[in-house]
Protein backbone atom coordinates (compact mmCIF):
# COMPACT_ATOMS: atom_id res chain seq x y z
CA UNK A 1 342.54 147.72 93.68
CA UNK A 2 345.31 145.39 94.86
CA UNK A 3 346.99 142.49 93.10
CA UNK A 4 346.59 138.96 94.54
CA UNK A 5 349.82 139.42 96.53
CA UNK A 6 348.42 142.52 98.23
CA UNK A 7 350.58 145.01 96.32
CA UNK A 8 348.75 147.98 94.76
CA UNK A 9 349.23 148.22 90.98
CA UNK A 10 351.66 150.84 89.68
CA UNK A 11 350.36 153.93 87.88
CA UNK A 12 351.42 154.14 84.24
CA UNK A 13 351.13 157.93 84.08
CA UNK A 14 354.76 158.77 84.83
CA UNK A 15 358.13 157.98 83.32
CA UNK A 16 359.76 154.69 84.32
CA UNK A 17 363.38 153.68 84.53
CA UNK A 18 364.40 152.10 81.26
CA UNK A 19 366.98 149.52 80.27
CA UNK A 20 370.44 149.46 78.75
CA UNK A 21 371.48 151.84 76.00
CA UNK A 22 374.74 151.07 74.21
CA UNK A 23 377.15 154.00 74.05
CA UNK A 24 380.10 154.58 71.69
CA UNK A 25 383.48 153.44 72.97
CA UNK A 26 385.29 156.26 71.19
CA UNK A 27 385.01 159.51 73.10
CA UNK A 28 386.17 163.07 72.58
CA UNK A 29 386.48 165.97 75.00
CA UNK A 30 384.56 169.13 74.30
CA UNK A 31 386.23 172.15 75.88
CA UNK A 32 388.97 172.20 78.51
CA UNK A 33 389.43 172.06 82.25
CA UNK A 34 389.77 175.85 82.28
CA UNK A 35 386.35 176.07 80.65
CA UNK A 36 384.98 173.94 83.49
CA UNK A 37 386.51 176.31 86.04
CA UNK A 38 384.95 179.31 84.26
CA UNK A 39 381.54 177.63 84.13
CA UNK A 40 381.46 176.66 87.81
CA UNK A 41 382.90 180.01 88.94
CA UNK A 42 379.67 181.66 87.74
CA UNK A 43 377.75 179.87 90.50
CA UNK A 44 374.18 178.63 90.46
CA UNK A 45 375.35 175.13 89.51
CA UNK A 46 372.95 172.21 89.92
CA UNK A 47 374.85 168.93 90.26
CA UNK A 48 373.42 165.72 88.78
CA UNK A 49 375.39 162.80 90.18
CA UNK A 50 375.43 159.13 89.24
CA UNK A 51 376.99 155.86 90.33
CA UNK A 52 380.39 156.81 88.91
CA UNK A 53 380.82 159.35 91.72
CA UNK A 54 380.67 156.55 94.30
CA UNK A 55 383.00 154.04 92.66
CA UNK A 56 385.97 155.56 94.49
CA UNK A 57 384.12 154.72 97.72
CA UNK A 58 384.15 151.05 96.73
CA UNK A 59 380.64 150.82 95.29
CA UNK A 60 380.88 149.55 91.69
CA UNK A 61 378.51 150.98 89.10
CA UNK A 62 376.20 148.91 86.91
CA UNK A 63 377.66 149.68 83.50
CA UNK A 64 380.76 149.17 81.40
CA UNK A 65 382.35 151.91 79.24
CA UNK A 66 379.82 151.35 76.44
CA UNK A 67 376.83 151.81 78.75
CA UNK A 68 375.96 148.10 78.79
CA UNK A 69 375.03 146.81 82.22
CA UNK A 70 377.57 144.40 83.71
CA UNK A 71 374.87 142.88 85.91
CA UNK A 72 371.09 142.81 85.72
CA UNK A 73 369.34 144.36 88.72
CA UNK A 74 366.05 142.99 89.96
CA UNK A 75 363.14 144.85 88.39
CA UNK A 76 360.08 146.12 90.21
CA UNK A 77 357.92 143.61 88.35
CA UNK A 78 360.06 140.71 89.57
CA UNK A 79 360.12 141.97 93.15
CA UNK A 80 356.38 142.61 93.31
CA UNK A 81 355.52 139.43 91.44
CA UNK A 82 356.39 136.71 93.95
CA UNK A 83 357.47 135.92 97.48
CA UNK A 84 360.32 133.84 96.04
CA UNK A 85 361.74 136.88 94.26
CA UNK A 86 361.47 139.01 97.39
CA UNK A 87 363.24 136.33 99.42
CA UNK A 88 366.01 136.19 96.80
CA UNK A 89 366.40 139.97 96.90
CA UNK A 90 366.53 140.20 100.70
CA UNK A 91 368.92 137.26 101.12
CA UNK A 92 371.36 138.83 98.69
CA UNK A 93 370.84 142.34 100.00
CA UNK A 94 371.29 141.18 103.60
CA UNK A 95 374.89 140.27 102.73
CA UNK A 96 375.63 143.06 100.25
CA UNK A 97 374.16 145.91 102.30
CA UNK A 98 376.66 145.37 105.10
CA UNK A 99 379.57 146.32 102.87
CA UNK A 100 377.47 148.93 101.09
CA UNK A 101 376.60 150.54 104.42
CA UNK A 102 380.28 150.66 105.39
CA UNK A 103 381.17 152.85 102.38
CA UNK A 104 382.33 156.36 103.17
CA UNK A 105 382.35 159.58 101.09
CA UNK A 106 385.33 159.95 98.77
CA UNK A 107 387.15 163.07 97.67
CA UNK A 108 384.62 163.70 94.90
CA UNK A 109 381.76 163.88 97.41
CA UNK A 110 383.81 166.13 99.67
CA UNK A 111 384.66 168.53 96.85
CA UNK A 112 381.00 168.84 95.84
CA UNK A 113 380.18 169.65 99.47
CA UNK A 114 382.99 172.21 99.66
CA UNK A 115 381.81 173.89 96.43
CA UNK A 116 378.27 173.98 97.78
CA UNK A 117 379.43 175.63 101.02
CA UNK A 118 381.46 178.14 98.99
CA UNK A 119 378.34 179.12 97.05
CA UNK A 120 379.23 177.70 93.63
CA UNK A 121 376.93 174.67 93.83
CA UNK A 122 373.27 174.77 94.81
CA UNK A 123 370.94 171.75 94.91
CA UNK A 124 372.32 168.28 94.22
CA UNK A 125 370.14 165.84 92.28
CA UNK A 126 371.54 162.36 92.82
CA UNK A 127 370.62 159.12 91.11
CA UNK A 128 372.50 157.28 93.86
CA UNK A 129 370.82 155.61 96.83
CA UNK A 130 373.91 155.46 99.05
CA UNK A 131 373.51 158.68 101.08
CA UNK A 132 377.17 159.59 100.58
CA UNK A 133 376.46 163.20 99.58
CA UNK A 134 374.72 163.76 102.91
CA UNK A 135 377.42 161.86 104.78
CA UNK A 136 379.97 164.29 103.37
CA UNK A 137 377.97 167.21 104.77
CA UNK A 138 376.07 168.30 101.65
CA UNK A 139 372.64 169.85 102.01
CA UNK A 140 369.69 170.31 99.65
CA UNK A 141 370.21 166.80 98.24
CA UNK A 142 367.35 165.41 96.17
CA UNK A 143 367.38 161.60 96.09
CA UNK A 144 365.84 160.90 92.72
CA UNK A 145 365.76 157.15 93.28
CA UNK A 146 365.23 157.08 97.05
CA UNK A 147 367.62 155.77 99.69
CA UNK A 148 368.68 152.35 100.92
CA UNK A 149 368.62 153.49 104.53
CA UNK A 150 364.81 153.20 104.52
CA UNK A 151 362.27 150.47 103.73
CA UNK A 152 358.57 150.62 102.95
CA UNK A 153 355.74 148.07 102.88
CA UNK A 154 354.10 147.96 99.47
CA UNK A 155 350.84 146.73 100.99
CA UNK A 156 350.16 149.19 103.83
CA UNK A 157 352.80 151.89 103.34
CA UNK A 158 354.49 151.41 106.73
CA UNK A 159 358.06 152.75 106.73
CA UNK A 160 361.03 151.61 108.76
CA UNK A 161 364.76 152.17 108.96
CA UNK A 162 367.05 149.81 107.13
CA UNK A 163 369.15 149.35 110.26
CA UNK A 164 366.10 148.19 112.20
CA UNK A 165 365.10 145.90 109.34
CA UNK A 166 368.61 144.43 109.21
CA UNK A 167 368.47 143.67 112.93
CA UNK A 168 365.16 141.86 112.45
CA UNK A 169 366.58 139.82 109.57
CA UNK A 170 369.60 138.92 111.69
CA UNK A 171 367.30 137.62 114.45
CA UNK A 172 365.23 135.64 111.94
CA UNK A 173 368.28 134.12 110.22
CA UNK A 174 370.75 132.96 112.90
CA UNK A 175 374.02 131.68 111.45
CA UNK A 176 373.32 132.97 107.94
CA UNK A 177 376.52 135.02 107.72
CA UNK A 178 378.54 132.02 108.87
CA UNK A 179 376.94 129.80 106.21
CA UNK A 180 377.72 132.46 103.60
CA UNK A 181 381.35 132.65 104.76
CA UNK A 182 381.68 128.85 104.61
CA UNK A 183 380.27 128.78 101.07
CA UNK A 184 382.59 131.60 100.03
CA UNK A 185 385.63 129.70 101.29
CA UNK A 186 384.52 126.60 99.39
CA UNK A 187 383.67 128.07 95.98
CA UNK A 188 385.36 131.46 96.12
CA UNK A 189 383.49 134.69 96.82
CA UNK A 190 382.70 137.32 94.21
CA UNK A 191 381.91 139.82 97.01
CA UNK A 192 384.30 142.55 95.86
CA UNK A 193 383.26 142.52 92.22
CA UNK A 194 379.55 141.92 92.62
CA UNK A 195 378.27 144.39 95.23
CA UNK A 196 375.97 146.65 93.22
CA UNK A 197 374.84 150.26 93.58
CA UNK A 198 371.67 148.98 95.30
CA UNK A 199 373.57 146.88 97.85
CA UNK A 200 372.72 143.59 96.11
CA UNK A 201 375.24 140.76 95.72
CA UNK A 202 375.58 137.38 93.97
CA UNK A 203 374.49 134.55 96.28
CA UNK A 204 374.11 130.77 95.86
CA UNK A 205 370.55 129.46 95.42
CA UNK A 206 370.98 127.05 98.34
CA UNK A 207 371.61 129.96 100.69
CA UNK A 208 368.70 131.94 99.29
CA UNK A 209 366.30 129.06 99.93
CA UNK A 210 367.22 128.99 103.62
CA UNK A 211 366.62 132.72 104.16
CA UNK A 212 363.58 134.14 105.96
CA UNK A 213 362.54 137.39 104.28
CA UNK A 214 361.24 140.25 106.45
CA UNK A 215 357.56 140.83 107.03
CA UNK A 216 355.83 144.11 107.78
CA UNK A 217 355.29 144.60 111.52
CA UNK A 218 351.95 146.34 110.84
CA UNK A 219 350.14 144.24 108.21
CA UNK A 220 352.21 141.03 108.30
CA UNK A 221 352.78 140.81 104.54
CA UNK A 222 356.17 139.93 103.07
CA UNK A 223 355.96 142.95 100.77
CA UNK A 224 358.63 145.04 102.49
CA UNK A 225 360.78 146.79 99.89
CA UNK A 226 363.82 149.09 100.11
CA UNK A 227 362.62 152.66 99.68
CA UNK A 228 364.31 153.02 96.31
CA UNK A 229 363.09 153.17 92.73
CA UNK A 230 363.72 149.81 91.06
CA UNK A 231 364.21 149.43 87.32
CA UNK A 232 360.75 149.41 85.79
CA UNK A 233 359.28 151.45 88.65
CA UNK A 234 358.00 155.00 88.51
CA UNK A 235 359.91 158.03 89.75
CA UNK A 236 357.34 160.21 91.57
CA UNK A 237 356.01 162.85 89.19
CA UNK A 238 356.19 165.65 91.78
CA UNK A 239 359.87 164.91 92.34
CA UNK A 240 360.58 165.02 88.61
CA UNK A 241 358.79 168.35 88.29
CA UNK A 242 360.77 169.75 91.22
CA UNK A 243 364.02 168.76 89.52
CA UNK A 244 362.88 170.27 86.21
CA UNK A 245 362.28 173.58 88.00
CA UNK A 246 365.73 173.50 89.57
CA UNK A 247 367.38 172.77 86.23
CA UNK A 248 365.50 175.55 84.46
CA UNK A 249 366.59 178.08 87.11
CA UNK A 250 370.22 176.92 87.21
CA UNK A 251 373.25 178.84 86.03
CA UNK A 252 374.60 175.50 84.77
CA UNK A 253 374.09 171.76 85.21
CA UNK A 254 377.15 169.69 86.14
CA UNK A 255 376.80 165.95 85.52
CA UNK A 256 379.19 163.83 87.56
CA UNK A 257 379.65 160.10 87.09
CA UNK A 258 376.48 159.26 85.15
CA UNK A 259 376.24 157.61 81.75
CA UNK A 260 372.72 159.09 81.47
CA UNK A 261 371.69 155.78 79.92
CA UNK A 262 368.27 155.87 81.56
CA UNK A 263 365.77 158.64 80.97
CA UNK A 264 365.54 159.19 84.72
CA UNK A 265 368.64 161.40 84.62
CA UNK A 266 368.97 162.13 80.93
CA UNK A 267 365.70 164.09 80.82
CA UNK A 268 367.27 166.83 82.97
CA UNK A 269 370.13 167.26 80.51
CA UNK A 270 367.59 167.46 77.71
CA UNK A 271 365.55 170.05 79.60
CA UNK A 272 368.66 172.14 80.31
CA UNK A 273 369.62 171.99 76.62
CA UNK A 274 366.12 173.04 75.60
CA UNK A 275 366.26 176.02 77.97
CA UNK A 276 369.81 177.05 76.93
CA UNK A 277 371.20 176.20 80.37
CA UNK A 278 374.88 175.16 79.97
CA UNK A 279 375.58 171.49 80.65
CA UNK A 280 379.00 170.20 81.72
CA UNK A 281 379.59 166.44 81.90
CA UNK A 282 382.57 164.86 83.67
CA UNK A 283 382.86 161.06 83.50
CA UNK A 284 385.35 158.50 82.22
CA UNK A 285 383.09 157.07 79.50
CA UNK A 286 380.74 158.36 76.85
CA UNK A 287 377.25 159.38 77.92
CA UNK A 288 373.85 159.53 76.31
CA UNK A 289 373.85 163.30 76.82
CA UNK A 290 377.15 164.09 75.08
CA UNK A 291 375.41 165.65 72.08
CA UNK A 292 373.60 168.14 74.34
CA UNK A 293 376.65 169.03 76.43
CA UNK A 294 378.23 172.47 76.39
CA UNK A 295 381.37 171.01 77.96
CA UNK A 296 382.51 167.38 78.07
CA UNK A 297 385.57 166.02 79.92
CA UNK A 298 386.46 162.33 80.02
CA UNK A 299 388.42 162.23 83.26
CA UNK A 300 388.54 160.58 86.71
CA UNK A 301 386.22 162.40 89.06
CA UNK A 302 388.27 162.54 92.25
CA UNK A 303 391.39 164.23 90.81
CA UNK A 304 389.40 166.44 88.44
CA UNK A 305 387.12 167.75 91.17
CA UNK A 306 390.07 168.25 93.53
CA UNK A 307 391.80 170.33 90.87
CA UNK A 308 388.58 172.26 90.31
CA UNK A 309 388.33 173.14 93.98
CA UNK A 310 391.95 174.30 93.95
CA UNK A 311 391.46 176.40 90.83
CA UNK A 312 388.52 178.14 92.50
CA UNK A 313 390.67 178.92 95.53
CA UNK A 314 389.09 176.54 98.05
């Protein structure tokens, strides 16, 4: 059965992304850098990466140090609920994605790739949708929340590349970038601070109203969506089970740059803890999984991972 807008209803049988969870501001390390070296040197490490790993590539994360979201992303319910919401998303994403797509892997991504090639790291489970692990040369990357380089029609399932979709939106919206630039010069742009991990950006309502959202080339509906898991949307059950299996077979789980505020990532730390698989967490702030961690370092990712690679002789 489909909803009036042509979008099939979501199944309620699998876990959904949840909302903000406040974290303590006061944090304490558990263990030392040498302990991290010892843990990773044993090999069989499954990496779980979050938005904090990509901040040094110029993509801000959603949350502050206490886990509270700085900005509210569009939810699946909003996106699926109306054409106006989809137009608002695509107008904002049309601008934001261009900077998002220009981001390049940082030293943290490169170190993870180097450690994978050296045999210390195995599969990488990423909550990020930016493709920067793959761009750095990593393999066996599981995109838990999908990827922004693809789009899918919620009505008929047709898939397309984001680059192709962007070209179509450019043709349908001549002069839109120029109007955005004029507005930014007039009122001041928040471009640098407001690009989000999903490529979204703050945009004036007047610009949104003039934007023509993309339509599916197969069925003609305006229900084209980035091929990512929105807040409130389901992560595919088979993908979750695959990740559980990887975690259970791991020598250790290394969490990089995730507050674990949503169950989507936190459940893998819980599963590792339940199976006595060591968990190391490296981020600047507190995380929801700190109580289950075997090792916890509050440190910047780029320098810490660079030092880790050096300590392992690579």
